[in-house]
Amino acid sequence: MAAEMTAAQLIEKHRPTLDRTLEAISTRAYWSPHPEHPKAYGETAAPDGLAAFEALRGKRFELDQPGTDDWTGGEVSPYGPELGITYPHPDAEVLLPAMRAALPVWRDAGPEARAAVCLEILARISARTHEFAQAVMHTSGQAFMMAFQAGGPHAQDRGLEAVAYAYAEQVRTPQQAPWSKPQGKRDPLELSKSFTPVPRGVALVIGCNTFPTWNGYPGLFASLATGNPVLVKPHPRAVLPLALTVKVAREVLEDAGFPADLVCLAVDKPGEGLAKTLAVRPEVRIIDYTGSTAFGEWLETHARQAQVFTEKAGVNTVVIDSTDDYKGMLGNLAFSLSLYSGQMCTTPQNLLIPREGITTDAGPKSYDEVVSDLAAAVSGLLGDDARANALLGALVNPQVKERIDASAGIGEVALASREVANPEFPGATVRTPVIVKLDGAKPDDEAAYLSECFGPVSFAVAVDSAAAAVDLLRRTVRDKGAMTVGAYTTSAEVEQLVEEACLEECAQLSLNLTGGVYVNQTAAFSDFHGSGGNPAANAVLCDGAFVANRFRTVEVRRQA
């Protein structure tokens, strides 16, 4: 365990990082304090991280938090092995009051001390990135490098980003202010005023299976930095990454002289539905959720006592009108469709292509040629099994495989999915993407492409024109939501149409990506993840609105 440090010492240690982060969110320039390369963490970091992960398996995960009434677990790696870890199961009647009791001292610590503690938590997590990468890999099915980067430095960046936004919003109002109102010949009216950011109450983070840290850290750190105790309720199949996070947070809080119960863990028993129970508790005043639209809407409807931040599902769309880099476009799209087997909330699903074809630097290409060439690009990218495994990872649950298998019955299959063997993990289910041709003019096809099909299934939708594609894009975002929109065009007119549609329907747009940046990737401190303005999500990772409603400012006026 690290040596104890006072809040003042933590502020001195981490203030430079906080200042640099505040600068980054202001300029939107590239920056990250967390290295992306595994070798940056030391020569022995990889084997040490693997050994630390293996040492957790088959044991109880001790947290010493109040209200433990049983032990539960059951995670099975998408790569095959059972983790065999059991976690404390909470008695909410004991745990939530204990968390609520920890709030006043944390509130009184102030924004700067809270930010410094949060940065120390992130620093200690960063030092164990290889261990976290193994935990993310074996709960989400991400391939190791993606689990390392997305589950490690990229997740830590998103947590740090949330802390910076939280700090900025809290110090927008001064702590103290003298007030004097002239009264002509009489003495002025004088008051002394103080302003304190006051947290809402216990915050509940409901984790997801696919990106437990990347999607979990923004809400966790936004709530903690604004003074709220945080109860972390992981997805039953992806507990370990967030359990490790809770453990580190509790250690840091205790070392800094704060109650460890400011951060606690709540793990379901099989079939218990603990999230629903906790979500409507009166102590819970903030909820962060990533997952299905159905449960997200349930939370928004029923958790009336809480401020609810949701990232749900959408139908991500790419408009393909024309390009001056046909090969680059195909390569970029092939990678986007393949990464993590399409199991990302940002992966493109619908590719809208004029039925008369498109213009390219390689000459005119018909609809059929574009679809055929894209299928060939995906096949070429994933032709080598070792490379395919490194990009695809494993399917996170059996429902994804069912969607792949069912896609053949939806329309003409332009690219069939194939099974990929993983020699290191024979129990993994690895499948390449499938591309299905559909017709935007056929009502029977509409039900398919206007529904989210989570996983490596994409629809090449034939449309009458670029204008028709934009109309369909607009309707899709308005009715179903979208986390991402992409477009390829050399036409200023079409570009303006797409951009105007995205501005009006509030969707994040990527234009003409042909290099090493992909529509389904976002960079913390610069890119906004989601918009909060269409049905896919009611919140953004991360902006001022994501943090400002987690606290209120209470004013005390005194006669001067």
Protein backbone atom coordinates (compact mmCIF):
# COMPACT_ATOMS: atom_id res chain seq x y z
CA MET A 1 0.00 0.00 0.00
CA ALA A 2 1.24 3.51 -0.79
CA ALA A 3 2.25 5.80 2.05
CA GLU A 4 -0.42 7.99 3.59
CA MET A 5 -0.63 11.51 2.19
CA THR A 6 -2.60 14.47 3.46
CA ALA A 7 -5.01 16.29 1.21
CA ALA A 8 -2.56 19.19 1.04
CA GLN A 9 0.24 16.88 -0.09
CA LEU A 10 -2.01 15.32 -2.73
CA ILE A 11 -2.93 18.77 -4.01
CA GLU A 12 0.74 19.67 -4.32
CA LYS A 13 1.46 16.39 -6.09
CA HIS A 14 -1.41 16.48 -8.57
CA ARG A 15 -2.12 20.17 -9.14
CA PRO A 16 0.16 20.32 -12.22
CA THR A 17 -1.76 17.45 -13.84
CA LEU A 18 -5.08 19.08 -13.02
CA ASP A 19 -3.92 22.37 -14.53
CA ARG A 20 -2.68 20.63 -17.67
CA THR A 21 -6.01 18.82 -17.98
CA LEU A 22 -7.95 22.07 -17.61
CA GLU A 23 -5.84 23.49 -20.41
CA ALA A 24 -6.47 20.45 -22.60
CA ILE A 25 -10.26 20.61 -22.30
CA SER A 26 -10.05 24.29 -23.14
CA THR A 27 -7.86 23.97 -26.26
CA ARG A 28 -9.17 20.51 -27.33
CA ALA A 29 -5.61 19.66 -28.41
CA TYR A 30 -4.20 16.13 -28.12
CA TRP A 31 -2.85 15.29 -24.67
CA SER A 32 -2.71 12.31 -22.35
CA PRO A 33 -0.69 11.60 -19.21
CA HIS A 34 -1.34 7.86 -19.55
CA PRO A 35 0.96 5.95 -21.94
CA GLU A 36 -0.75 3.79 -24.59
CA HIS A 37 2.18 1.42 -25.13
CA PRO A 38 2.45 -1.61 -22.81
CA LYS A 39 6.27 -1.32 -22.57
CA ALA A 40 5.99 2.17 -21.07
CA TYR A 41 5.06 0.62 -17.73
CA GLY A 42 8.35 -1.18 -17.18
CA GLU A 43 10.06 -4.37 -18.31
CA THR A 44 8.31 -6.62 -15.79
CA ALA A 45 4.92 -4.86 -15.85
CA ALA A 46 3.30 -7.32 -18.26
CA PRO A 47 4.19 -10.54 -16.38
CA ASP A 48 3.58 -8.81 -13.06
CA GLY A 49 0.13 -7.71 -14.20
CA LEU A 50 -0.74 -11.18 -15.43
CA ALA A 51 0.46 -12.70 -12.16
CA ALA A 52 -1.61 -10.21 -10.16
CA PHE A 53 -4.68 -11.09 -12.21
CA GLU A 54 -4.12 -14.82 -11.81
CA ALA A 55 -3.68 -14.36 -8.05
CA LEU A 56 -7.21 -12.97 -7.84
CA ARG A 57 -8.85 -15.99 -9.44
CA GLY A 58 -10.63 -18.59 -7.34
CA LYS A 59 -10.71 -16.39 -4.22
CA ARG A 60 -12.88 -13.99 -2.30
CA PHE A 61 -12.42 -10.34 -3.23
CA GLU A 62 -12.18 -8.73 0.19
CA LEU A 63 -13.28 -5.10 0.52
CA ASP A 64 -14.11 -4.67 4.23
CA GLN A 65 -17.16 -2.55 3.45
CA PRO A 66 -20.23 -2.43 5.72
CA GLY A 67 -23.39 -4.40 5.13
CA THR A 68 -21.94 -7.54 3.54
CA ASP A 69 -24.56 -10.25 3.97
CA ASP A 70 -23.29 -12.87 1.52
CA TRP A 71 -20.78 -13.59 -1.24
CA THR A 72 -21.58 -13.88 -4.92
CA GLY A 73 -19.88 -14.21 -8.28
CA GLY A 74 -19.80 -16.30 -11.41
CA GLU A 75 -17.82 -14.46 -14.09
CA VAL A 76 -16.71 -16.60 -17.02
CA SER A 77 -14.16 -15.17 -19.41
CA PRO A 78 -15.40 -14.85 -23.02
CA TYR A 79 -12.13 -16.64 -23.75
CA GLY A 80 -13.30 -19.69 -21.81
CA PRO A 81 -11.94 -19.89 -18.25
CA GLU A 82 -14.08 -19.35 -15.18
CA LEU A 83 -12.66 -16.60 -12.98
CA GLY A 84 -14.01 -18.17 -9.78
CA ILE A 85 -13.98 -14.87 -7.86
CA THR A 86 -16.65 -14.08 -5.30
CA TYR A 87 -17.54 -10.57 -4.18
CA PRO A 88 -19.36 -9.08 -1.19
CA HIS A 89 -23.10 -8.88 -1.65
CA PRO A 90 -24.59 -5.79 -0.01
CA ASP A 91 -27.38 -5.29 2.45
CA ALA A 92 -28.56 -1.92 1.17
CA GLU A 93 -30.22 -1.10 4.49
CA VAL A 94 -26.76 -1.07 6.08
CA LEU A 95 -24.50 -0.01 3.23
CA LEU A 96 -26.37 3.06 1.95
CA PRO A 97 -26.69 4.80 5.36
CA ALA A 98 -22.97 4.21 5.93
CA MET A 99 -22.17 5.82 2.60
CA ARG A 100 -24.49 8.72 3.35
CA ALA A 101 -22.77 9.24 6.70
CA ALA A 102 -19.42 9.65 4.91
CA LEU A 103 -20.68 12.56 2.82
CA PRO A 104 -20.25 15.61 5.12
CA VAL A 105 -16.49 15.36 5.59
CA TRP A 106 -16.03 14.81 1.85
CA ARG A 107 -18.25 17.78 1.05
CA ASP A 108 -16.27 19.97 3.43
CA ALA A 109 -12.94 18.97 1.89
CA GLY A 110 -13.63 21.25 -1.07
CA PRO A 111 -13.24 20.88 -4.86
CA GLU A 112 -9.44 21.03 -5.00
CA ALA A 113 -8.85 18.35 -2.37
CA ARG A 114 -11.48 16.10 -3.94
CA ALA A 115 -9.89 16.50 -7.35
CA ALA A 116 -6.47 15.66 -5.94
CA VAL A 117 -7.77 12.51 -4.27
CA CYS A 118 -9.42 11.46 -7.54
CA LEU A 119 -6.16 12.02 -9.41
CA GLU A 120 -4.30 9.89 -6.88
CA ILE A 121 -6.85 7.10 -7.43
CA LEU A 122 -6.26 7.34 -11.18
CA ALA A 123 -2.49 7.39 -10.70
CA ARG A 124 -2.56 4.18 -8.66
CA ILE A 125 -4.86 2.55 -11.21
CA SER A 126 -2.49 3.63 -13.98
CA ALA A 127 0.42 1.96 -12.21
CA ARG A 128 -1.55 -1.31 -12.37
CA THR A 129 -2.69 -0.93 -15.98
CA HIS A 130 -1.47 -4.38 -17.02
CA GLU A 131 -3.49 -6.03 -14.25
CA PHE A 132 -6.57 -4.01 -15.23
CA ALA A 133 -6.01 -4.97 -18.88
CA GLN A 134 -6.21 -8.66 -18.01
CA ALA A 135 -9.37 -8.02 -15.98
CA VAL A 136 -11.01 -6.11 -18.84
CA MET A 137 -9.93 -8.68 -21.43
CA HIS A 138 -11.33 -11.61 -19.47
CA THR A 139 -14.67 -9.98 -18.69
CA SER A 140 -15.40 -8.07 -21.92
CA GLY A 141 -13.81 -10.30 -24.56
CA GLN A 142 -11.70 -7.46 -25.92
CA ALA A 143 -8.41 -8.54 -27.43
CA PHE A 144 -5.47 -7.80 -25.15
CA MET A 145 -4.19 -4.65 -26.86
CA MET A 146 -7.64 -3.11 -26.97
CA ALA A 147 -8.32 -4.11 -23.36
CA PHE A 148 -4.99 -2.56 -22.41
CA GLN A 149 -5.58 0.73 -24.24
CA ALA A 150 -9.35 1.23 -23.98
CA GLY A 151 -9.64 -0.36 -20.53
CA GLY A 152 -6.47 1.31 -19.26
CA PRO A 153 -5.10 4.69 -20.44
CA HIS A 154 -8.15 5.69 -22.47
CA ALA A 155 -10.50 4.93 -19.56
CA GLN A 156 -8.19 6.75 -17.17
CA ASP A 157 -8.18 9.74 -19.53
CA ARG A 158 -11.98 9.81 -19.49
CA GLY A 159 -11.98 9.69 -15.69
CA LEU A 160 -9.45 12.51 -15.52
CA GLU A 161 -11.47 14.52 -18.00
CA ALA A 162 -14.54 14.22 -15.77
CA VAL A 163 -12.55 15.38 -12.74
CA ALA A 164 -11.35 18.46 -14.63
CA TYR A 165 -14.86 19.38 -15.76
CA ALA A 166 -16.17 18.80 -12.24
CA TYR A 167 -13.50 21.02 -10.72
CA ALA A 168 -14.06 23.79 -13.27
CA GLU A 169 -17.81 23.87 -12.65
CA GLN A 170 -17.43 23.93 -8.87
CA VAL A 171 -14.91 26.80 -8.79
CA ARG A 172 -16.87 28.86 -11.30
CA THR A 173 -18.47 30.52 -8.24
CA PRO A 174 -16.05 31.93 -5.62
CA GLN A 175 -16.02 30.45 -2.12
CA GLN A 176 -16.28 33.88 -0.48
CA ALA A 177 -17.55 37.26 -1.71
CA PRO A 178 -18.09 40.60 0.05
CA TRP A 179 -21.24 42.45 -0.99
CA SER A 180 -21.87 46.17 -0.63
CA LYS A 181 -24.87 48.07 -1.98
CA PRO A 182 -24.65 51.87 -1.90
CA GLN A 183 -27.51 53.66 -0.11
CA GLY A 184 -26.80 57.28 -1.04
CA LYS A 185 -26.26 59.34 2.10
CA ARG A 186 -26.89 56.39 4.36
CA ASP A 187 -24.33 53.68 5.13
CA PRO A 188 -24.12 50.97 2.44
CA LEU A 189 -25.79 47.61 2.95
CA GLU A 190 -23.00 45.14 3.52
CA LEU A 191 -23.03 41.36 3.64
CA SER A 192 -20.46 38.64 3.66
CA LYS A 193 -21.44 35.71 1.42
CA SER A 194 -20.10 32.17 1.18
CA PHE A 195 -20.84 29.64 -1.54
CA THR A 196 -20.43 25.90 -1.05
CA PRO A 197 -20.83 23.16 -3.69
CA VAL A 198 -23.18 20.66 -2.05
CA PRO A 199 -23.42 17.11 -3.42
CA ARG A 200 -26.78 15.57 -4.27
CA GLY A 201 -26.26 12.31 -2.37
CA VAL A 202 -25.27 8.74 -3.15
CA ALA A 203 -24.41 8.19 -6.82
CA LEU A 204 -25.05 4.82 -8.44
CA VAL A 205 -22.85 3.71 -11.34
CA ILE A 206 -24.39 0.82 -13.29
CA GLY A 207 -21.59 -0.74 -15.30
CA CYS A 208 -21.69 -2.36 -18.73
CA ASN A 209 -20.26 -5.65 -19.95
CA THR A 210 -18.29 -4.41 -22.95
CA PHE A 211 -16.39 -1.40 -21.58
CA PRO A 212 -16.58 -1.58 -17.78
CA THR A 213 -13.87 1.01 -17.07
CA TRP A 214 -14.13 3.24 -20.16
CA ASN A 215 -17.86 3.74 -19.67
CA GLY A 216 -17.76 3.50 -15.88
CA TYR A 217 -15.04 5.99 -15.00
CA PRO A 218 -16.65 9.22 -16.27
CA GLY A 219 -19.69 8.94 -14.02
CA LEU A 220 -17.74 7.52 -11.10
CA PHE A 221 -15.17 10.31 -11.04
CA ALA A 222 -17.63 13.08 -11.95
CA SER A 223 -19.77 12.16 -8.95
CA LEU A 224 -16.87 11.60 -6.55
CA ALA A 225 -15.16 14.87 -7.54
CA THR A 226 -18.38 16.80 -6.90
CA GLY A 227 -18.67 15.39 -3.39
CA ASN A 228 -21.01 12.45 -3.80
CA PRO A 229 -20.40 8.97 -2.37
CA VAL A 230 -20.37 6.44 -5.22
CA LEU A 231 -21.88 2.96 -5.21
CA VAL A 232 -20.56 0.92 -8.13
CA LYS A 233 -22.89 -1.79 -9.41
CA PRO A 234 -21.01 -3.69 -12.15
CA HIS A 235 -22.52 -5.84 -14.88
CA PRO A 236 -22.66 -9.41 -13.51
CA ARG A 237 -20.35 -10.63 -16.29
CA ALA A 238 -17.82 -7.81 -15.83
CA VAL A 239 -17.35 -7.24 -12.12
CA LEU A 240 -13.58 -7.52 -11.68
CA PRO A 241 -12.38 -4.32 -13.42
CA LEU A 242 -14.74 -2.16 -11.37
CA ALA A 243 -14.15 -4.14 -8.19
CA LEU A 244 -10.43 -3.43 -8.56
CA THR A 245 -11.28 0.22 -9.11
CA VAL A 246 -13.36 0.35 -5.93
CA LYS A 247 -10.58 -1.31 -3.95
CA VAL A 248 -7.99 1.22 -5.13
CA ALA A 249 -10.37 4.12 -4.43
CA ARG A 250 -11.06 2.92 -0.90
CA GLU A 251 -7.33 2.57 -0.20
CA VAL A 252 -6.59 6.09 -1.44
CA LEU A 253 -9.47 7.63 0.51
CA GLU A 254 -8.35 5.93 3.69
CA ASP A 255 -4.70 6.93 3.14
CA ALA A 256 -5.80 10.54 2.67
CA GLY A 257 -7.83 10.56 5.89
CA PHE A 258 -11.30 10.25 4.36
CA PRO A 259 -13.92 7.53 4.94
CA ALA A 260 -13.35 4.56 2.64
CA ASP A 261 -17.11 4.12 2.45
CA LEU A 262 -17.30 7.01 0.01
CA VAL A 263 -16.79 4.35 -2.67
CA CYS A 264 -18.44 0.93 -2.35
CA LEU A 265 -19.29 -2.08 -4.50
CA ALA A 266 -22.67 -3.76 -5.08
CA VAL A 267 -22.66 -7.11 -6.89
CA ASP A 268 -25.79 -9.04 -7.92
CA LYS A 269 -26.70 -12.53 -7.04
CA PRO A 270 -27.73 -14.44 -10.20
CA GLY A 271 -31.05 -13.13 -11.46
CA GLU A 272 -31.45 -10.72 -8.55
CA GLY A 273 -31.86 -7.52 -10.58
CA LEU A 274 -30.07 -5.47 -7.93
CA ALA A 275 -29.78 -2.41 -10.21
CA LYS A 276 -33.56 -1.93 -10.21
CA THR A 277 -33.74 -2.18 -6.45
CA LEU A 278 -30.91 0.28 -5.85
CA ALA A 279 -32.02 2.71 -8.55
CA VAL A 280 -35.20 3.70 -6.73
CA ARG A 281 -33.73 3.92 -3.23
CA PRO A 282 -34.27 7.39 -1.73
CA GLU A 283 -30.58 7.69 -0.85
CA VAL A 284 -29.60 7.35 -4.52
CA ARG A 285 -29.68 10.80 -6.09
CA ILE A 286 -27.51 10.27 -9.20
CA ILE A 287 -27.43 7.35 -11.64
CA ASP A 288 -24.97 6.69 -14.46
CA TYR A 289 -25.94 3.89 -16.82
CA THR A 290 -24.59 2.39 -20.04
CA GLY A 291 -26.50 -0.41 -21.72
CA SER A 292 -29.74 -1.33 -23.40
CA THR A 293 -32.35 1.21 -24.42
CA ALA A 294 -35.07 -0.69 -22.57
CA PHE A 295 -33.40 -0.49 -19.15
CA GLY A 296 -32.15 3.04 -19.76
CA GLU A 297 -35.71 4.17 -20.43
CA TRP A 298 -36.90 2.26 -17.35
CA LEU A 299 -34.40 4.20 -15.23
CA GLU A 300 -35.42 7.52 -16.76
CA THR A 301 -39.07 6.72 -16.05
CA HIS A 302 -38.89 5.15 -12.59
CA ALA A 303 -35.84 6.59 -10.80
CA ARG A 304 -37.62 9.91 -10.34
CA GLN A 305 -35.68 10.84 -7.20
CA ALA A 306 -32.36 10.74 -9.08
CA GLN A 307 -30.59 12.69 -11.80
CA VAL A 308 -30.17 9.97 -14.45
CA PHE A 309 -27.37 10.01 -17.03
CA THR A 310 -27.80 7.35 -19.73
CA GLU A 311 -25.89 6.05 -22.70
CA LYS A 312 -28.24 3.67 -24.47
CA ALA A 313 -28.32 2.23 -27.99
CA GLY A 314 -28.55 3.82 -31.40
CA VAL A 315 -28.30 3.03 -35.08
CA ASN A 316 -25.01 4.44 -36.31
CA THR A 317 -24.98 5.44 -39.96
CA VAL A 318 -22.42 6.19 -42.67
CA VAL A 319 -23.40 8.07 -45.83
CA ILE A 320 -21.23 7.03 -48.81
CA ASP A 321 -21.67 9.57 -51.62
CA SER A 322 -18.20 9.90 -53.21
CA THR A 323 -14.53 9.81 -52.28
CA ASP A 324 -11.14 10.91 -53.53
CA ASP A 325 -9.44 8.02 -51.70
CA TYR A 326 -11.41 4.87 -52.48
CA LYS A 327 -8.81 2.47 -51.09
CA GLY A 328 -8.41 4.55 -47.93
CA MET A 329 -12.17 4.71 -47.44
CA LEU A 330 -12.55 0.95 -47.78
CA GLY A 331 -9.67 0.28 -45.40
CA ASN A 332 -10.98 2.70 -42.82
CA LEU A 333 -14.50 1.27 -42.93
CA ALA A 334 -13.22 -2.32 -42.84
CA PHE A 335 -11.29 -1.60 -39.64
CA SER A 336 -14.27 0.23 -38.10
CA LEU A 337 -16.60 -2.71 -38.79
CA SER A 338 -14.10 -5.26 -37.45
CA LEU A 339 -12.72 -3.68 -34.28
CA TYR A 340 -13.85 -5.67 -31.21
CA SER A 341 -16.28 -7.60 -33.42
CA GLY A 342 -18.47 -4.53 -33.79
CA GLN A 343 -19.37 -4.69 -30.09
CA MET A 344 -19.01 -0.96 -29.59
CA CYS A 345 -21.79 1.58 -29.19
CA THR A 346 -19.99 3.64 -31.85
CA THR A 347 -19.59 0.97 -34.55
CA PRO A 348 -21.27 1.81 -37.89
CA GLN A 349 -24.29 -0.32 -38.69
CA ASN A 350 -25.99 1.21 -41.74
CA LEU A 351 -23.97 2.11 -44.84
CA LEU A 352 -26.17 4.24 -47.11
CA ILE A 353 -25.04 3.94 -50.74
CA PRO A 354 -26.78 5.41 -53.82
CA ARG A 355 -28.15 2.58 -55.95
CA GLU A 356 -26.69 4.30 -59.04
CA GLY A 357 -23.22 4.12 -57.49
CA ILE A 358 -20.59 6.65 -56.42
CA THR A 359 -17.71 8.59 -57.96
CA THR A 360 -14.19 7.82 -56.76
CA ASP A 361 -10.56 8.48 -57.63
CA ALA A 362 -10.55 4.91 -59.03
CA GLY A 363 -13.42 5.68 -61.39
CA PRO A 364 -17.18 5.28 -60.94
CA LYS A 365 -18.24 2.40 -58.72
CA SER A 366 -21.69 0.82 -58.74
CA TYR A 367 -23.56 0.00 -55.54
CA ASP A 368 -22.70 -3.68 -56.03
CA GLU A 369 -19.03 -2.86 -56.59
CA VAL A 370 -18.80 -0.72 -53.47
CA VAL A 371 -20.34 -3.45 -51.34
CA SER A 372 -18.21 -6.16 -52.97
CA ASP A 373 -15.01 -4.13 -52.56
CA LEU A 374 -15.81 -3.39 -48.91
CA ALA A 375 -16.41 -7.09 -48.30
CA ALA A 376 -13.05 -7.83 -49.90
CA ALA A 377 -11.37 -5.19 -47.72
CA VAL A 378 -12.79 -6.78 -44.55
CA SER A 379 -11.77 -10.25 -45.74
CA GLY A 380 -8.27 -9.02 -46.54
CA LEU A 381 -7.91 -7.31 -43.17
CA LEU A 382 -8.99 -10.45 -41.31
CA GLY A 383 -7.53 -13.07 -43.65
CA ASP A 384 -4.73 -13.95 -41.24
CA ASP A 385 -6.13 -15.62 -38.11
CA ALA A 386 -3.56 -14.11 -35.76
CA ARG A 387 -4.37 -10.61 -36.99
CA ALA A 388 -8.08 -11.39 -36.89
CA ASN A 389 -7.89 -12.47 -33.25
CA ALA A 390 -5.96 -9.32 -32.35
CA LEU A 391 -8.66 -7.12 -33.89
CA LEU A 392 -11.84 -9.06 -33.19
CA GLY A 393 -11.39 -10.30 -29.64
CA ALA A 394 -14.15 -12.67 -28.54
CA LEU A 395 -17.94 -12.38 -28.67
CA VAL A 396 -19.09 -11.03 -25.34
CA ASN A 397 -22.24 -13.17 -25.05
CA PRO A 398 -24.23 -15.82 -26.97
CA GLN A 399 -26.81 -13.25 -28.13
CA VAL A 400 -24.22 -11.63 -30.41
CA LYS A 401 -23.58 -14.96 -32.13
CA GLU A 402 -27.33 -15.45 -32.52
CA ARG A 403 -27.61 -12.09 -34.31
CA ILE A 404 -24.79 -13.01 -36.66
CA ASP A 405 -26.41 -16.34 -37.49
CA ALA A 406 -29.84 -14.72 -37.97
CA SER A 407 -28.52 -12.04 -40.32
CA ALA A 408 -28.40 -14.46 -43.25
CA GLY A 409 -32.18 -14.50 -43.25
CA ILE A 410 -32.54 -10.72 -43.41
CA GLY A 411 -31.26 -10.09 -46.93
CA GLU A 412 -28.62 -10.97 -49.51
CA VAL A 413 -25.33 -11.68 -47.72
CA ALA A 414 -22.46 -9.79 -49.33
CA LEU A 415 -19.93 -10.98 -46.77
CA ALA A 416 -20.52 -14.11 -44.73
CA SER A 417 -19.13 -14.43 -41.23
CA ARG A 418 -16.53 -17.10 -40.58
CA GLU A 419 -15.32 -18.70 -37.39
CA VAL A 420 -11.77 -17.93 -36.33
CA ALA A 421 -9.87 -20.33 -34.10
CA ASN A 422 -7.92 -18.87 -31.19
CA PRO A 423 -5.06 -21.26 -30.35
CA GLU A 424 -4.32 -19.55 -27.04
CA PHE A 425 -7.96 -19.65 -25.92
CA PRO A 426 -9.80 -22.54 -27.61
CA GLY A 427 -12.98 -21.71 -25.66
CA ALA A 428 -13.34 -18.27 -27.26
CA THR A 429 -16.07 -17.65 -29.84
CA VAL A 430 -14.51 -15.48 -32.54
CA ARG A 431 -16.45 -14.46 -35.64
CA THR A 432 -15.70 -12.09 -38.51
CA PRO A 433 -18.24 -9.42 -39.58
CA VAL A 434 -21.18 -10.00 -41.86
CA ILE A 435 -22.45 -7.48 -44.42
CA VAL A 436 -26.04 -7.75 -45.68
CA LYS A 437 -27.52 -5.92 -48.67
CA LEU A 438 -30.84 -4.18 -48.09
CA ASP A 439 -33.01 -1.81 -50.12
CA GLY A 440 -34.02 1.49 -48.57
CA ALA A 441 -37.12 1.58 -50.78
CA LYS A 442 -38.51 -1.71 -49.49
CA PRO A 443 -40.70 -1.45 -46.37
CA ASP A 444 -39.83 -5.04 -45.44
CA ASP A 445 -36.14 -4.13 -45.15
CA GLU A 446 -36.76 -1.06 -43.02
CA ALA A 447 -37.50 -3.02 -39.86
CA ALA A 448 -34.01 -4.53 -40.03
CA TYR A 449 -31.90 -1.46 -40.69
CA LEU A 450 -33.87 0.78 -38.34
CA SER A 451 -33.26 -1.55 -35.39
CA GLU A 452 -29.97 -1.81 -33.55
CA CYS A 453 -28.19 -5.09 -34.33
CA PHE A 454 -25.43 -5.12 -31.72
CA GLY A 455 -22.36 -6.97 -32.93
CA PRO A 456 -20.47 -7.41 -36.22
CA VAL A 457 -23.51 -7.07 -38.50
CA SER A 458 -23.75 -4.21 -41.01
CA PHE A 459 -26.33 -3.35 -43.61
CA ALA A 460 -25.42 -1.89 -47.01
CA VAL A 461 -28.62 0.02 -47.73
CA ALA A 462 -29.29 1.06 -51.33
CA VAL A 463 -30.86 4.53 -51.57
CA ASP A 464 -32.07 6.63 -54.49
CA SER A 465 -29.56 9.48 -54.09
CA ALA A 466 -27.28 11.31 -51.68
CA ALA A 467 -30.22 13.51 -50.73
CA ALA A 468 -32.29 10.41 -49.98
CA ALA A 469 -29.41 9.09 -47.87
CA VAL A 470 -29.39 12.30 -45.83
CA ASP A 471 -33.15 12.11 -45.37
CA LEU A 472 -32.83 8.53 -44.10
CA LEU A 473 -29.91 9.54 -41.89
CA ARG A 474 -31.98 12.33 -40.38
CA ARG A 475 -34.94 10.03 -39.71
CA THR A 476 -32.69 7.36 -38.21
CA VAL A 477 -31.03 9.74 -35.77
CA ARG A 478 -34.33 11.39 -34.83
CA ASP A 479 -36.23 8.14 -34.24
CA LYS A 480 -33.54 5.69 -33.13
CA GLY A 481 -30.58 7.81 -32.10
CA ALA A 482 -26.93 7.54 -33.07
CA MET A 483 -23.68 7.72 -31.15
CA THR A 484 -21.75 8.33 -34.37
CA VAL A 485 -22.39 9.44 -37.93
CA GLY A 486 -19.89 9.16 -40.77
CA ALA A 487 -19.93 10.49 -44.31
CA TYR A 488 -17.77 10.27 -47.42
CA THR A 489 -18.26 12.91 -50.06
CA THR A 490 -16.30 15.17 -52.37
CA SER A 491 -19.34 17.38 -52.86
CA ALA A 492 -19.54 20.60 -50.85
CA GLU A 493 -23.31 20.52 -51.27
CA VAL A 494 -23.68 16.99 -49.88
CA GLU A 495 -21.25 17.75 -47.06
CA GLN A 496 -23.39 20.73 -46.09
CA LEU A 497 -26.55 18.62 -46.20
CA VAL A 498 -25.02 15.97 -43.91
CA GLU A 499 -23.57 18.52 -41.53
CA GLU A 500 -26.87 20.41 -41.31
CA ALA A 501 -28.73 17.16 -40.60
CA CYS A 502 -26.31 16.32 -37.79
CA LEU A 503 -26.54 19.79 -36.31
CA GLU A 504 -30.33 19.71 -36.35
CA GLU A 505 -30.64 16.14 -35.04
CA CYS A 506 -27.69 16.54 -32.64
CA ALA A 507 -25.31 13.77 -33.73
CA GLN A 508 -21.51 13.69 -33.75
CA LEU A 509 -20.16 13.63 -37.32
CA SER A 510 -16.90 12.34 -38.84
CA LEU A 511 -16.18 13.32 -42.46
CA ASN A 512 -13.98 11.52 -44.98
CA LEU A 513 -11.90 9.46 -42.55
CA THR A 514 -9.37 7.47 -44.59
CA GLY A 515 -6.34 7.25 -42.27
CA GLY A 516 -5.67 5.98 -38.77
CA VAL A 517 -8.59 7.71 -37.07
CA TYR A 518 -11.90 5.81 -37.11
CA VAL A 519 -15.50 6.83 -36.63
CA ASN A 520 -15.89 4.51 -33.62
CA GLN A 521 -12.99 5.98 -31.66
CA THR A 522 -12.96 9.17 -29.58
CA ALA A 523 -10.12 10.92 -27.77
CA ALA A 524 -10.63 12.25 -24.25
CA PHE A 525 -10.07 15.97 -23.66
CA SER A 526 -10.88 16.65 -27.32
CA ASP A 527 -13.76 14.54 -28.69
CA PHE A 528 -17.25 14.42 -27.23
CA HIS A 529 -18.64 10.90 -26.92
CA GLY A 530 -22.33 11.01 -27.72
CA SER A 531 -24.24 14.27 -27.90
CA GLY A 532 -27.00 13.99 -25.30
CA GLY A 533 -29.35 15.36 -27.93
CA ASN A 534 -30.79 12.28 -29.61
CA PRO A 535 -32.33 9.04 -28.33
CA ALA A 536 -29.00 7.17 -28.11
CA ALA A 537 -27.90 9.04 -24.98
CA ASN A 538 -29.08 11.84 -22.73
CA ALA A 539 -25.54 12.71 -21.64
CA VAL A 540 -22.14 13.48 -23.15
CA LEU A 541 -18.72 12.20 -22.18
CA CYS A 542 -17.78 14.79 -21.21
CA ASP A 543 -19.09 18.34 -21.03
CA GLY A 544 -20.15 20.81 -18.37
CA ALA A 545 -23.69 19.47 -18.32
CA PHE A 546 -22.34 16.02 -17.42
CA VAL A 547 -20.99 17.29 -14.10
CA ALA A 548 -22.85 20.49 -13.18
CA ASN A 549 -26.09 18.79 -12.13
CA ARG A 550 -24.29 16.49 -9.68
CA PHE A 551 -24.09 19.28 -7.10
CA ARG A 552 -25.87 22.43 -6.05
CA THR A 553 -24.40 25.63 -4.64
CA VAL A 554 -25.62 26.66 -1.20
CA GLU A 555 -25.17 30.28 -0.17
CA VAL A 556 -24.80 31.56 3.38
CA ARG A 557 -25.23 35.32 3.91
CA ARG A 558 -23.94 37.05 7.03
CA GLN A 559 -24.27 40.61 8.15
CA ALA A 560 -20.89 42.20 7.62
